[in-house]
């Protein structure tokens, strides 16, 4: 069964963003990203940073264009306790670059749809 078969189609929105002009870049497809400037993204995160979207391609270059999914179902690797599937908690960035975590307090971004504790992943509708 494809995503979207339950309850209708799932619309995705992909935005072209840029990697930082300076510094180290090591973005992998599937990484959680934060917004660091005007259309500029990074997978280097601190715990509780807001998640902007998911990398749709690898990049190790400065100032490179990269597609970012900002709406739709994203499957993120998580660290720490498993995120909660309750319709409101969502996720935030973890201190491990490119991964997410359950919010320490309050709500994060998106709606958690499923958690796979064996694989260490969470499906999130951003």
Protein backbone atom coordinates (compact mmCIF):
# COMPACT_ATOMS: atom_id res chain seq x y z
CA UNK A 1 0.00 0.00 0.00
CA UNK A 2 1.45 3.37 -1.00
CA UNK A 3 1.43 6.41 1.26
CA UNK A 4 -1.82 8.27 0.74
CA UNK A 5 -3.98 5.20 0.13
CA UNK A 6 -5.58 5.62 3.55
CA UNK A 7 -7.73 8.74 3.68
CA UNK A 8 -6.77 10.15 0.28
CA UNK A 9 -3.75 11.53 -1.49
CA UNK A 10 -0.81 13.05 0.37
CA UNK A 11 0.47 16.24 -1.22
CA UNK A 12 4.19 16.92 -1.09
CA UNK A 13 5.91 20.27 -1.43
CA UNK A 14 9.58 20.31 -2.46
CA UNK A 15 11.51 23.59 -2.21
CA UNK A 16 14.96 24.22 -3.66
CA UNK A 17 17.25 25.53 -0.92
CA UNK A 18 20.99 26.17 -0.67
CA UNK A 19 23.70 24.68 1.50
CA UNK A 20 25.81 27.14 3.55
CA UNK A 21 28.34 29.25 1.62
CA UNK A 22 31.06 28.46 4.19
CA UNK A 23 31.97 25.66 6.54
CA UNK A 24 31.65 21.92 6.39
CA UNK A 25 28.65 20.41 4.56
CA UNK A 26 27.72 16.73 4.92
CA UNK A 27 24.00 16.43 4.15
CA UNK A 28 22.60 12.99 3.40
CA UNK A 29 19.30 12.16 1.72
CA UNK A 30 16.70 11.74 4.46
CA UNK A 31 18.38 14.08 6.96
CA UNK A 32 16.27 16.43 9.05
CA UNK A 33 17.17 20.02 8.19
CA UNK A 34 16.87 23.38 9.89
CA UNK A 35 16.57 26.75 8.19
CA UNK A 36 19.68 28.89 8.85
CA UNK A 37 19.00 31.87 6.56
CA UNK A 38 17.06 32.90 3.49
CA UNK A 39 16.49 29.54 1.73
CA UNK A 40 19.67 28.27 3.43
CA UNK A 41 19.55 24.92 5.24
CA UNK A 42 21.80 22.77 7.41
CA UNK A 43 21.65 19.35 9.03
CA UNK A 44 23.92 20.53 11.87
CA UNK A 45 21.44 20.88 14.71
CA UNK A 46 21.19 21.41 18.42
CA UNK A 47 18.59 19.60 20.51
CA UNK A 48 15.16 21.25 20.22
CA UNK A 49 15.91 23.16 16.97
CA UNK A 50 12.86 23.45 14.71
CA UNK A 51 12.77 21.00 11.79
CA UNK A 52 12.23 22.82 8.48
CA UNK A 53 12.19 19.79 6.19
CA UNK A 54 13.93 16.69 4.88
CA UNK A 55 16.87 16.50 2.46
CA UNK A 56 15.90 14.84 -0.80
CA UNK A 57 19.52 14.46 -1.99
CA UNK A 58 23.09 14.24 -0.67
CA UNK A 59 25.36 17.29 -0.72
CA UNK A 60 28.90 17.97 0.46
CA UNK A 61 29.34 21.26 -1.43
CA UNK A 62 29.10 24.83 -0.20
CA UNK A 63 26.48 27.02 -1.90
CA UNK A 64 24.86 24.07 -3.67
CA UNK A 65 21.17 23.81 -4.54
CA UNK A 66 19.40 20.95 -2.79
CA UNK A 67 15.74 19.83 -2.90
CA UNK A 68 14.00 19.87 0.50
CA UNK A 69 10.63 18.30 1.30
CA UNK A 70 8.80 20.81 3.50
CA UNK A 71 5.33 19.26 3.28
CA UNK A 72 4.35 15.62 3.06
CA UNK A 73 5.27 12.39 4.82
CA UNK A 74 8.91 12.27 5.92
CA UNK A 75 10.60 9.24 7.47
CA UNK A 76 13.24 10.46 9.91
CA UNK A 77 15.73 8.56 12.05
CA UNK A 78 15.27 9.50 15.71
CA UNK A 79 17.43 9.48 18.84
CA UNK A 80 16.42 9.02 22.47
CA UNK A 81 12.92 8.01 23.52
CA UNK A 82 10.52 7.10 20.74
CA UNK A 83 8.34 10.01 19.58
CA UNK A 84 4.69 9.76 20.58
CA UNK A 85 1.90 9.11 18.07
CA UNK A 86 -0.92 11.24 19.48
CA UNK A 87 -1.75 13.81 16.81
CA UNK A 88 -0.02 16.78 18.46
CA UNK A 89 3.50 16.10 19.79
CA UNK A 90 5.46 16.11 16.52
CA UNK A 91 9.27 16.15 16.44
CA UNK A 92 12.21 18.49 16.95
CA UNK A 93 15.83 18.24 15.84
CA UNK A 94 18.17 16.23 18.03
CA UNK A 95 21.76 17.07 18.92
CA UNK A 96 22.77 14.30 16.47
CA UNK A 97 23.06 15.94 13.06
CA UNK A 98 20.28 14.99 10.66
CA UNK A 99 18.15 13.17 13.24
CA UNK A 100 15.04 14.11 15.18
CA UNK A 101 13.75 13.50 18.69
CA UNK A 102 10.62 13.75 20.75
CA UNK A 103 10.12 17.26 22.19
CA UNK A 104 11.32 17.62 25.80
CA UNK A 105 8.20 19.70 26.50
CA UNK A 106 5.37 21.03 24.39
CA UNK A 107 4.90 20.20 20.74
CA UNK A 108 7.28 20.02 17.81
CA UNK A 109 6.73 20.14 14.06
CA UNK A 110 4.31 17.91 12.19
CA UNK A 111 2.09 15.03 13.17
CA UNK A 112 3.68 11.70 14.02
CA UNK A 113 1.92 8.96 12.07
CA UNK A 114 3.95 5.87 12.97
CA UNK A 115 7.02 4.92 14.99
CA UNK A 116 9.18 1.91 14.13
CA UNK A 117 11.23 1.29 17.26
CA UNK A 118 13.14 -1.57 15.63
CA UNK A 119 14.37 0.62 12.77
CA UNK A 120 14.58 3.76 14.93
CA UNK A 121 12.38 5.78 12.56
CA UNK A 122 9.33 7.99 12.81
CA UNK A 123 6.93 8.83 9.98
CA UNK A 124 5.93 12.48 10.24
CA UNK A 125 3.40 14.48 8.25
CA UNK A 126 4.97 17.93 7.94
